[in-house]
Amino acid sequence: MNLPDMKEAKSRNKEKVEFIYTNPLKSDAFSGKKYFIKTYGCQMNVHDSEEISGLLENIGFERVESELDADIIILNTCAIRENAHDKVFGFLGRCKHLKKDKPDLKLILCGCMAQEKHVVDEIMAKHKYIDLVFGTHNIHEFPNYLMNLGDGLNIEVKSNEGNVYETGETFKRDSKYTAWINIMYGCDKFCTYCIVPYTRGKERSRKSKDILKEVECLKEKGYKEVTLLGQNVNAYGCDSEEEISFAELLEKVAQTGIDRIRFVTSHPWNFTDEMINIIAKYPNIMPYIHLPLQSGSDRILRLMGRRYTKEEYLQLFNKIKSTIPNAAVTTDIIVGFPNETDEDFEETLSVVEECKYDGAFTFIYSPREGTPAAKMDDKIALSVKEDRLHRLNEIVNKYSNLNNQKYLGKTVKVLLVGNSEKDDSKLYGYTETMKLVNVICDKSLIGEIVDVKITEAKSFSLDGIVEK
């Protein structure tokens, strides 16, 4: 498959400025104040919420688990699908009523939805009870916004895409054993259905030395696993002539000796042979790869602006599986893209049958205002789209179950990360191939990588016992 013109991509972003922010704000104004944060969307949003929590706790806030107990309520939003918009404003509507009993309560909306002009216009017209709106490019300024918050609706949305802000280790991480690490921001692919380039901006890579320093710091603190994050993670370094490639970064992270390394999300167009060989070379780079397909039809892939064909995708998939035989591969698939025919959909099913994915995130196409696909004429009935999704999920679930059955009776390494939500007598964790495992064992093993014999295999999880 054709690789992007790296020289052109790098020259586009040549004016990038890096600004170091150390969060010097100190005040007693927020001491003892309570915050509640609700996160929608991808791993990047989850990590952004960790940064927001860290910034708040640095100035005196304490986190609570219920919006009823909070002095400020923060919704970190996602713009990928329409139902996310509905959920956010449904929740905000309920929070509006809390203000009647707590007039000093502050409602704050941030994240990707805040970067959409039509959403901000809607807030200004219909939701003026919200106190603050800020976007994805200025999270680091949140404490200052709180300090200077005026009465009524405050809009602080910027498109300062050229900057990468290093906030230091201010994150309030959700885990003591696994950590997200942003290595880049934004996306330059402009797939016709995707809002991300408009809400997150163009691709900007962090400096590799800062990333490696963060990995070393986490390792020293006892973290066992890091996940390298980017909207298009394997395009790392393409925007800077001074930076190394993603494959080189992966190798340097592996050489730190941290136990486990993962990365999401990859674009097939940027997935190089060098990457595959590096993953195969280092045992601490986990053999789990999320490789979005989106459609198996060349016609639909062109309409989506995906930059690869079905044949090129399958060549890449087979190269990964032949070089890393134990790799688990998952994917994303959209059904019902404008004017997808029965034949187009059958092409997608044929790829799923051939790849036999370990799992897939499947969606009915959701038009996003401002994207080229939203302007395409769509004559497919919703009932047809729902039927296609049902048929697709049946096949995806069949192979998910068959792949899990292969683990039955085998002993695998599992990083135990917490108590099982469904059964408090069990711990849960993940295999190297990202399989969820529930284990009956002593809680003192949380945070440890242990050998687990799989005793039961289900469609979406495994059960096991610790081998001594």
Protein backbone atom coordinates (compact mmCIF):
# COMPACT_ATOMS: atom_id res chain seq x y z
CA MET A 1 0.00 0.00 0.00
CA ASN A 2 1.14 3.55 -0.65
CA LEU A 3 2.62 5.36 2.31
CA PRO A 4 1.97 9.07 2.92
CA ASP A 5 4.35 11.73 1.70
CA MET A 6 6.26 12.18 4.96
CA LYS A 7 8.23 15.18 3.69
CA GLU A 8 5.03 17.04 2.81
CA ALA A 9 3.37 16.13 6.12
CA LYS A 10 6.36 17.32 8.10
CA SER A 11 6.60 20.65 6.28
CA ARG A 12 2.91 21.36 7.00
CA ASN A 13 3.51 21.37 10.73
CA LYS A 14 6.94 22.98 10.75
CA GLU A 15 5.72 25.97 12.78
CA LYS A 16 4.69 23.88 15.79
CA VAL A 17 5.54 25.51 19.14
CA GLU A 18 5.93 23.51 22.32
CA PHE A 19 4.90 25.20 25.56
CA ILE A 20 5.68 23.85 29.01
CA TYR A 21 2.97 24.30 31.61
CA THR A 22 3.79 23.50 35.22
CA ASN A 23 0.47 24.43 36.85
CA PRO A 24 1.77 27.04 39.32
CA LEU A 25 -1.74 28.10 40.36
CA LYS A 26 -2.16 27.87 44.13
CA SER A 27 -5.23 29.01 46.03
CA ASP A 28 -7.28 28.25 49.12
CA ALA A 29 -10.44 29.18 47.23
CA PHE A 30 -11.09 25.57 46.22
CA SER A 31 -9.85 23.76 49.32
CA GLY A 32 -12.40 21.10 50.27
CA LYS A 33 -14.55 21.70 47.21
CA LYS A 34 -15.95 18.57 45.55
CA TYR A 35 -15.92 17.68 41.87
CA PHE A 36 -17.71 14.99 39.85
CA ILE A 37 -16.50 14.08 36.37
CA LYS A 38 -18.28 11.96 33.77
CA THR A 39 -16.40 10.80 30.69
CA TYR A 40 -17.78 9.82 27.30
CA GLY A 41 -15.92 8.32 24.37
CA CYS A 42 -12.46 6.95 23.63
CA GLN A 43 -9.32 6.23 25.64
CA MET A 44 -8.03 9.71 24.78
CA ASN A 45 -11.02 11.22 26.57
CA VAL A 46 -10.44 8.94 29.55
CA HIS A 47 -6.85 10.15 29.75
CA ASP A 48 -7.96 13.78 29.34
CA SER A 49 -10.22 13.25 32.36
CA GLU A 50 -7.23 11.97 34.31
CA GLU A 51 -5.47 15.23 33.48
CA ILE A 52 -8.51 17.31 34.44
CA SER A 53 -8.75 15.44 37.75
CA GLY A 54 -5.07 16.00 38.45
CA LEU A 55 -5.32 19.72 37.73
CA LEU A 56 -8.34 20.04 40.04
CA GLU A 57 -6.82 18.08 42.91
CA ASN A 58 -3.64 20.14 42.67
CA ILE A 59 -5.68 23.24 43.59
CA GLY A 60 -7.64 21.65 46.43
CA PHE A 61 -10.63 19.85 44.93
CA GLU A 62 -11.70 16.40 46.12
CA ARG A 63 -13.36 13.87 43.82
CA VAL A 64 -16.80 12.41 44.59
CA GLU A 65 -18.61 9.53 42.89
CA SER A 66 -22.04 11.16 42.71
CA GLU A 67 -23.09 14.39 41.05
CA LEU A 68 -25.40 14.96 44.02
CA ASP A 69 -22.39 15.59 46.28
CA ALA A 70 -20.46 17.87 43.92
CA ASP A 71 -19.75 21.60 43.86
CA ILE A 72 -18.78 21.35 40.19
CA ILE A 73 -19.92 18.79 37.61
CA ILE A 74 -17.74 18.21 34.55
CA LEU A 75 -18.85 16.36 31.44
CA ASN A 76 -15.95 15.39 29.18
CA THR A 77 -17.71 14.72 25.91
CA CYS A 78 -17.38 12.72 22.70
CA ALA A 79 -18.51 13.84 19.24
CA ILE A 80 -18.17 10.59 17.30
CA ARG A 81 -21.86 9.56 17.29
CA GLU A 82 -25.19 11.32 17.64
CA ASN A 83 -26.32 9.24 20.63
CA ALA A 84 -23.37 10.65 22.63
CA HIS A 85 -24.80 14.15 22.07
CA ASP A 86 -28.21 13.01 23.30
CA LYS A 87 -26.77 11.36 26.42
CA VAL A 88 -24.76 14.45 27.36
CA PHE A 89 -27.67 16.86 27.14
CA GLY A 90 -29.99 14.39 28.83
CA PHE A 91 -27.59 14.24 31.79
CA LEU A 92 -27.10 18.01 31.81
CA GLY A 93 -30.85 18.48 31.86
CA ARG A 94 -31.06 16.46 35.06
CA CYS A 95 -28.16 18.42 36.55
CA LYS A 96 -29.96 21.68 35.74
CA HIS A 97 -32.56 20.78 38.35
CA LEU A 98 -29.84 20.33 40.98
CA LYS A 99 -29.06 24.03 40.64
CA LYS A 100 -32.40 24.89 42.19
CA ASP A 101 -31.23 23.40 45.49
CA LYS A 102 -27.56 24.30 45.00
CA PRO A 103 -27.40 27.70 43.25
CA ASP A 104 -23.58 27.76 43.54
CA LEU A 105 -23.27 24.46 41.64
CA LYS A 106 -21.21 24.86 38.47
CA LEU A 107 -21.92 22.81 35.32
CA ILE A 108 -19.02 22.42 32.92
CA LEU A 109 -18.90 20.88 29.44
CA CYS A 110 -15.57 20.10 27.78
CA GLY A 111 -14.08 17.70 25.27
CA CYS A 112 -14.79 17.09 21.60
CA MET A 113 -18.38 18.33 21.56
CA ALA A 114 -17.13 21.70 22.77
CA GLN A 115 -15.07 22.00 19.56
CA GLU A 116 -18.20 21.69 17.37
CA LYS A 117 -19.58 25.11 16.41
CA HIS A 118 -23.16 23.89 16.11
CA VAL A 119 -22.99 22.46 19.63
CA VAL A 120 -21.71 25.76 21.06
CA ASP A 121 -24.45 27.58 19.15
CA GLU A 122 -27.01 25.18 20.64
CA ILE A 123 -25.65 25.77 24.15
CA MET A 124 -25.84 29.54 23.71
CA ALA A 125 -29.43 29.26 22.47
CA LYS A 126 -30.90 26.57 24.72
CA HIS A 127 -28.55 25.68 27.59
CA LYS A 128 -27.35 28.92 29.17
CA TYR A 129 -27.55 27.27 32.59
CA ILE A 130 -24.15 25.71 31.77
CA ASP A 131 -21.42 27.78 33.44
CA LEU A 132 -18.32 26.92 31.39
CA VAL A 133 -17.52 25.36 28.03
CA PHE A 134 -13.91 24.66 27.05
CA GLY A 135 -12.36 22.54 24.32
CA THR A 136 -9.73 19.91 23.70
CA HIS A 137 -6.89 22.36 23.00
CA ASN A 138 -6.90 24.23 26.30
CA ILE A 139 -7.43 21.69 29.09
CA HIS A 140 -4.29 23.01 30.79
CA GLU A 141 -6.02 26.38 31.33
CA PHE A 142 -9.00 24.91 33.22
CA PRO A 143 -7.81 25.97 36.72
CA ASN A 144 -7.43 29.56 35.53
CA TYR A 145 -10.92 29.50 34.03
CA LEU A 146 -12.32 28.38 37.39
CA MET A 147 -10.41 31.07 39.24
CA ASN A 148 -11.82 33.78 36.97
CA LEU A 149 -15.25 32.31 36.25
CA GLY A 150 -17.79 35.03 35.54
CA ASP A 151 -21.54 34.87 36.04
CA GLY A 152 -23.59 33.15 33.36
CA LEU A 153 -22.29 31.14 30.42
CA ASN A 154 -18.52 31.28 29.80
CA ILE A 155 -17.18 30.01 26.46
CA GLU A 156 -13.45 29.22 26.29
CA VAL A 157 -13.01 27.22 23.09
CA LYS A 158 -9.77 27.56 21.15
CA SER A 159 -8.28 25.99 18.03
CA ASN A 160 -4.66 26.46 19.04
CA GLU A 161 -3.71 23.30 17.18
CA GLY A 162 -0.03 24.06 16.76
CA ASN A 163 0.86 23.59 20.42
CA VAL A 164 1.64 20.49 22.44
CA TYR A 165 1.41 21.15 26.17
CA GLU A 166 3.58 19.24 28.59
CA THR A 167 1.78 19.38 31.94
CA GLY A 168 4.18 17.08 33.76
CA GLU A 169 2.93 14.26 35.98
CA THR A 170 -0.26 16.07 36.99
CA PHE A 171 -2.55 13.19 36.02
CA LYS A 172 -4.82 11.62 38.62
CA ARG A 173 -4.55 8.17 37.09
CA ASP A 174 -7.43 5.75 37.48
CA SER A 175 -5.05 2.82 38.06
CA LYS A 176 -1.82 2.20 39.93
CA TYR A 177 -0.77 -0.54 37.53
CA THR A 178 -1.78 0.48 33.99
CA ALA A 179 -1.36 3.93 32.45
CA TRP A 180 -2.33 5.83 29.32
CA ILE A 181 0.38 7.90 27.62
CA ASN A 182 -0.50 10.42 24.92
CA ILE A 183 2.20 10.33 22.27
CA MET A 184 0.40 12.54 19.75
CA TYR A 185 -2.77 14.51 19.21
CA GLY A 186 -5.09 15.02 16.27
CA CYS A 187 -5.43 13.37 12.88
CA ASP A 188 -4.65 14.40 9.29
CA LYS A 189 -6.51 11.58 7.53
CA PHE A 190 -9.89 13.35 7.16
CA CYS A 191 -11.94 10.21 6.61
CA THR A 192 -15.21 11.55 5.22
CA TYR A 193 -17.36 10.30 8.12
CA CYS A 194 -15.05 11.35 10.97
CA ILE A 195 -15.30 14.47 13.10
CA VAL A 196 -11.96 13.93 14.89
CA PRO A 197 -9.75 16.14 12.65
CA TYR A 198 -12.17 19.00 13.30
CA THR A 199 -12.42 18.53 17.07
CA ARG A 200 -8.85 17.41 17.82
CA GLY A 201 -7.00 19.26 15.10
CA LYS A 202 -4.04 18.29 12.95
CA GLU A 203 -1.46 15.71 13.99
CA ARG A 204 1.05 16.94 16.60
CA SER A 205 3.62 14.57 18.08
CA ARG A 206 5.09 14.93 21.55
CA LYS A 207 8.85 14.83 21.84
CA SER A 208 10.10 11.28 22.15
CA LYS A 209 12.38 12.24 25.04
CA ASP A 210 9.35 13.43 27.03
CA ILE A 211 7.43 10.24 26.26
CA LEU A 212 10.35 8.04 27.33
CA LYS A 213 10.81 10.08 30.49
CA GLU A 214 7.13 9.50 31.31
CA VAL A 215 7.51 5.74 30.73
CA GLU A 216 10.57 5.59 32.99
CA CYS A 217 8.75 7.56 35.69
CA LEU A 218 5.78 5.19 35.57
CA LYS A 219 8.05 2.18 35.72
CA GLU A 220 9.80 3.57 38.80
CA LYS A 221 6.39 4.03 40.44
CA GLY A 222 5.58 0.36 39.91
CA TYR A 223 3.34 0.54 36.85
CA LYS A 224 3.28 -2.71 34.90
CA GLU A 225 1.68 -1.59 31.65
CA VAL A 226 1.53 1.50 29.44
CA THR A 227 -0.73 2.14 26.46
CA LEU A 228 0.54 4.63 23.88
CA LEU A 229 -2.34 6.79 22.68
CA GLY A 230 -3.08 8.71 19.52
CA GLN A 231 -6.04 9.25 17.24
CA ASN A 232 -3.75 7.78 14.59
CA VAL A 233 -1.00 6.44 16.81
CA ASN A 234 1.25 4.95 14.15
CA ALA A 235 1.50 8.30 12.33
CA TYR A 236 3.68 9.43 15.25
CA GLY A 237 6.62 11.55 14.09
CA CYS A 238 5.25 12.26 10.60
CA ASP A 239 4.65 15.91 11.51
CA SER A 240 8.21 16.62 12.64
CA GLU A 241 11.52 16.21 10.84
CA GLU A 242 13.20 16.13 14.25
CA GLU A 243 11.30 13.09 15.52
CA ILE A 244 11.72 9.33 15.18
CA SER A 245 9.13 7.03 13.61
CA PHE A 246 6.50 5.18 15.60
CA ALA A 247 8.36 1.90 15.09
CA GLU A 248 11.53 3.45 16.54
CA LEU A 249 9.54 4.89 19.45
CA LEU A 250 8.01 1.47 20.16
CA GLU A 251 11.49 -0.05 20.26
CA LYS A 252 12.82 2.60 22.64
CA VAL A 253 9.82 2.16 24.95
CA ALA A 254 10.37 -1.60 24.90
CA GLN A 255 14.01 -1.08 25.82
CA THR A 256 12.99 0.68 29.05
CA GLY A 257 12.10 -2.79 30.33
CA ILE A 258 8.55 -1.94 31.43
CA ASP A 259 6.55 -5.18 31.58
CA ARG A 260 3.82 -4.48 29.06
CA ILE A 261 3.32 -2.06 26.16
CA ARG A 262 0.17 -1.55 24.10
CA PHE A 263 -0.91 1.08 21.57
CA VAL A 264 -4.17 2.36 20.04
CA THR A 265 -5.51 3.22 17.53
CA SER A 266 -3.68 2.31 14.32
CA HIS A 267 -4.54 3.31 10.79
CA PRO A 268 -3.77 0.55 8.24
CA TRP A 269 -2.23 3.12 5.88
CA ASN A 270 0.54 3.90 8.37
CA PHE A 271 1.18 0.32 9.52
CA THR A 272 4.71 -0.47 8.33
CA ASP A 273 6.75 -3.67 8.08
CA GLU A 274 9.18 -2.12 10.56
CA MET A 275 6.37 -1.85 13.11
CA ILE A 276 5.40 -5.48 12.63
CA ASN A 277 9.00 -6.64 13.06
CA ILE A 278 9.51 -4.54 16.20
CA ILE A 279 6.34 -5.97 17.77
CA ALA A 280 7.52 -9.48 16.97
CA LYS A 281 11.01 -8.78 18.33
CA TYR A 282 10.13 -7.55 21.84
CA PRO A 283 8.16 -9.79 24.23
CA ASN A 284 7.04 -6.80 26.29
CA ILE A 285 5.17 -5.33 23.31
CA MET A 286 1.84 -7.10 23.64
CA PRO A 287 0.62 -9.16 20.67
CA TYR A 288 -2.68 -7.31 20.49
CA ILE A 289 -3.47 -5.05 17.54
CA HIS A 290 -6.58 -2.99 16.89
CA LEU A 291 -6.76 -2.57 13.12
CA PRO A 292 -9.91 -0.73 11.96
CA LEU A 293 -11.44 -2.06 8.73
CA GLN A 294 -14.59 0.12 8.56
CA SER A 295 -15.78 -1.59 5.35
CA GLY A 296 -14.78 -4.49 3.14
CA SER A 297 -16.02 -2.83 -0.02
CA ASP A 298 -13.51 -0.93 -2.16
CA ARG A 299 -16.29 1.39 -3.35
CA ILE A 300 -17.29 2.30 0.21
CA LEU A 301 -13.65 2.57 1.33
CA ARG A 302 -13.11 5.17 -1.42
CA LEU A 303 -16.21 7.09 -0.32
CA MET A 304 -14.93 6.93 3.25
CA GLY A 305 -11.51 8.27 2.21
CA ARG A 306 -9.75 5.35 3.90
CA ARG A 307 -6.75 5.28 1.47
CA TYR A 308 -6.50 1.48 1.20
CA THR A 309 -8.31 -1.29 -0.64
CA LYS A 310 -9.75 -4.53 0.66
CA GLU A 311 -6.82 -6.42 -0.88
CA GLU A 312 -4.24 -4.13 0.75
CA TYR A 313 -5.94 -4.48 4.14
CA LEU A 314 -5.96 -8.28 3.87
CA GLN A 315 -2.29 -8.30 2.83
CA LEU A 316 -1.45 -6.30 5.94
CA PHE A 317 -3.61 -8.48 8.17
CA ASN A 318 -1.99 -11.67 6.87
CA LYS A 319 1.49 -10.19 7.23
CA ILE A 320 0.75 -9.40 10.89
CA LYS A 321 -0.61 -12.88 11.56
CA SER A 322 2.28 -14.64 9.81
CA THR A 323 4.97 -12.56 11.58
CA ILE A 324 3.22 -12.55 14.99
CA PRO A 325 1.31 -15.87 15.01
CA ASN A 326 -0.11 -15.38 18.51
CA ALA A 327 -1.42 -11.88 17.77
CA ALA A 328 -5.04 -11.10 18.57
CA VAL A 329 -6.55 -8.62 16.11
CA THR A 330 -9.70 -6.59 16.69
CA THR A 331 -11.35 -4.05 14.43
CA ASP A 332 -13.95 -1.32 13.87
CA ILE A 333 -16.73 -1.71 11.28
CA ILE A 334 -19.38 0.75 10.14
CA VAL A 335 -22.56 -0.52 8.47
CA GLY A 336 -25.07 1.58 6.58
CA PHE A 337 -22.63 4.13 5.19
CA PRO A 338 -24.56 6.30 2.67
CA ASN A 339 -25.81 4.14 -0.19
CA GLU A 340 -24.03 0.97 0.94
CA THR A 341 -25.53 -1.78 -1.22
CA ASP A 342 -26.21 -5.40 -0.30
CA GLU A 343 -23.16 -6.30 -2.36
CA ASP A 344 -20.99 -3.80 -0.45
CA PHE A 345 -22.18 -5.25 2.85
CA GLU A 346 -21.48 -8.82 1.68
CA GLU A 347 -17.91 -7.71 0.92
CA THR A 348 -17.57 -6.61 4.55
CA LEU A 349 -18.90 -9.94 5.80
CA SER A 350 -16.40 -11.76 3.57
CA VAL A 351 -13.49 -9.91 5.22
CA VAL A 352 -14.82 -10.79 8.69
CA GLU A 353 -15.12 -14.43 7.64
CA GLU A 354 -11.55 -14.39 6.36
CA CYS A 355 -9.94 -12.50 9.25
CA LYS A 356 -11.94 -14.20 12.03
CA TYR A 357 -11.35 -11.24 14.35
CA ASP A 358 -10.99 -11.68 18.09
CA GLY A 359 -13.56 -8.92 18.47
CA ALA A 360 -15.02 -5.89 16.75
CA PHE A 361 -16.63 -2.58 17.60
CA THR A 362 -19.56 -2.36 15.19
CA PHE A 363 -21.73 0.68 14.50
CA ILE A 364 -24.50 1.96 12.31
CA TYR A 365 -23.20 5.02 10.45
CA SER A 366 -23.96 8.23 12.31
CA PRO A 367 -23.75 11.46 10.23
CA ARG A 368 -21.70 14.19 11.91
CA GLU A 369 -22.38 17.79 10.95
CA GLY A 370 -19.43 19.36 9.17
CA THR A 371 -18.08 16.15 7.62
CA PRO A 372 -18.27 15.41 3.87
CA ALA A 373 -20.24 12.20 4.42
CA ALA A 374 -23.01 14.12 6.19
CA LYS A 375 -23.78 15.79 2.84
CA MET A 376 -24.07 12.47 0.97
CA ASP A 377 -27.51 11.34 -0.10
CA ASP A 378 -28.51 8.36 2.06
CA LYS A 379 -31.44 6.23 0.87
CA ILE A 380 -30.91 3.20 3.11
CA ALA A 381 -33.79 2.50 5.47
CA LEU A 382 -32.92 2.27 9.17
CA SER A 383 -34.48 -1.19 9.31
CA VAL A 384 -32.02 -2.36 6.64
CA LYS A 385 -29.09 -0.90 8.58
CA GLU A 386 -30.25 -2.56 11.80
CA ASP A 387 -30.61 -5.92 10.04
CA ARG A 388 -27.08 -5.62 8.65
CA LEU A 389 -25.69 -4.76 12.07
CA HIS A 390 -27.45 -7.79 13.57
CA ARG A 391 -26.06 -10.12 10.88
CA LEU A 392 -22.57 -8.68 11.29
CA ASN A 393 -22.64 -9.04 15.07
CA GLU A 394 -23.70 -12.68 14.81
CA ILE A 395 -20.58 -13.47 12.77
CA VAL A 396 -18.28 -11.31 14.93
CA ASN A 397 -19.57 -12.98 18.10
CA LYS A 398 -19.16 -16.43 16.57
CA TYR A 399 -15.46 -15.86 15.94
CA SER A 400 -14.96 -14.10 19.27
CA ASN A 401 -16.28 -17.22 20.97
CA LEU A 402 -14.21 -19.60 18.82
CA ASN A 403 -11.03 -17.61 19.48
CA ASN A 404 -11.72 -17.65 23.22
CA GLN A 405 -12.31 -21.41 23.16
CA LYS A 406 -8.68 -21.84 22.03
CA TYR A 407 -7.59 -20.67 25.50
CA LEU A 408 -9.47 -23.41 27.35
CA GLY A 409 -7.05 -25.49 29.46
CA LYS A 410 -4.09 -23.26 28.61
CA THR A 411 -1.98 -21.29 31.08
CA VAL A 412 -1.61 -17.60 30.25
CA LYS A 413 -0.07 -14.57 31.90
CA VAL A 414 -2.65 -12.19 33.32
CA LEU A 415 -2.13 -8.72 34.81
CA LEU A 416 -4.70 -8.52 37.62
CA VAL A 417 -6.01 -4.98 37.93
CA GLY A 418 -9.01 -5.02 40.28
CA ASN A 419 -12.13 -6.59 41.72
CA SER A 420 -14.61 -8.10 39.28
CA GLU A 421 -17.71 -5.91 38.96
CA LYS A 422 -20.04 -8.91 38.75
CA ASP A 423 -18.47 -11.07 41.44
CA ASP A 424 -16.55 -9.50 44.33
CA SER A 425 -14.97 -12.86 45.17
CA LYS A 426 -12.99 -12.64 41.92
CA LEU A 427 -10.31 -10.41 40.50
CA TYR A 428 -10.17 -9.45 36.86
CA GLY A 429 -7.30 -8.77 34.52
CA TYR A 430 -6.09 -9.11 30.96
CA THR A 431 -3.97 -11.55 29.02
CA GLU A 432 -1.18 -10.37 26.76
CA THR A 433 -3.71 -10.60 23.89
CA MET A 434 -6.19 -8.36 25.76
CA LYS A 435 -8.60 -11.12 26.79
CA LEU A 436 -10.62 -10.32 29.91
CA VAL A 437 -10.11 -12.97 32.60
CA ASN A 438 -11.99 -13.37 35.90
CA VAL A 439 -9.97 -15.21 38.54
CA ILE A 440 -10.74 -16.52 42.03
CA CYS A 441 -7.67 -15.54 44.02
CA ASP A 442 -6.39 -13.48 46.93
CA LYS A 443 -6.84 -9.71 46.57
CA SER A 444 -3.19 -9.23 47.47
CA LEU A 445 -2.40 -10.25 43.87
CA ILE A 446 -3.91 -7.04 42.43
CA GLY A 447 -1.20 -5.38 40.37
CA GLU A 448 0.71 -8.61 39.76
CA ILE A 449 1.26 -10.55 36.54
CA VAL A 450 0.36 -14.15 37.36
CA ASP A 451 0.03 -17.47 35.56
CA VAL A 452 -3.62 -18.37 35.16
CA LYS A 453 -5.05 -21.64 33.87
CA ILE A 454 -8.22 -21.01 31.86
CA THR A 455 -11.09 -23.17 33.11
CA GLU A 456 -14.00 -21.67 31.16
CA ALA A 457 -14.22 -19.77 27.89
CA LYS A 458 -17.16 -17.51 27.08
CA SER A 459 -17.85 -15.24 24.12
CA PHE A 460 -16.50 -12.09 25.78
CA SER A 461 -14.42 -13.27 28.74
CA LEU A 462 -12.49 -16.15 30.29
CA ASP A 463 -12.50 -17.69 33.77
CA GLY A 464 -9.40 -19.16 35.38
CA ILE A 465 -7.45 -20.19 38.44
CA VAL A 466 -4.01 -19.06 39.54
CA GLU A 467 -1.31 -21.68 39.00
CA LYS A 468 1.14 -21.98 41.84
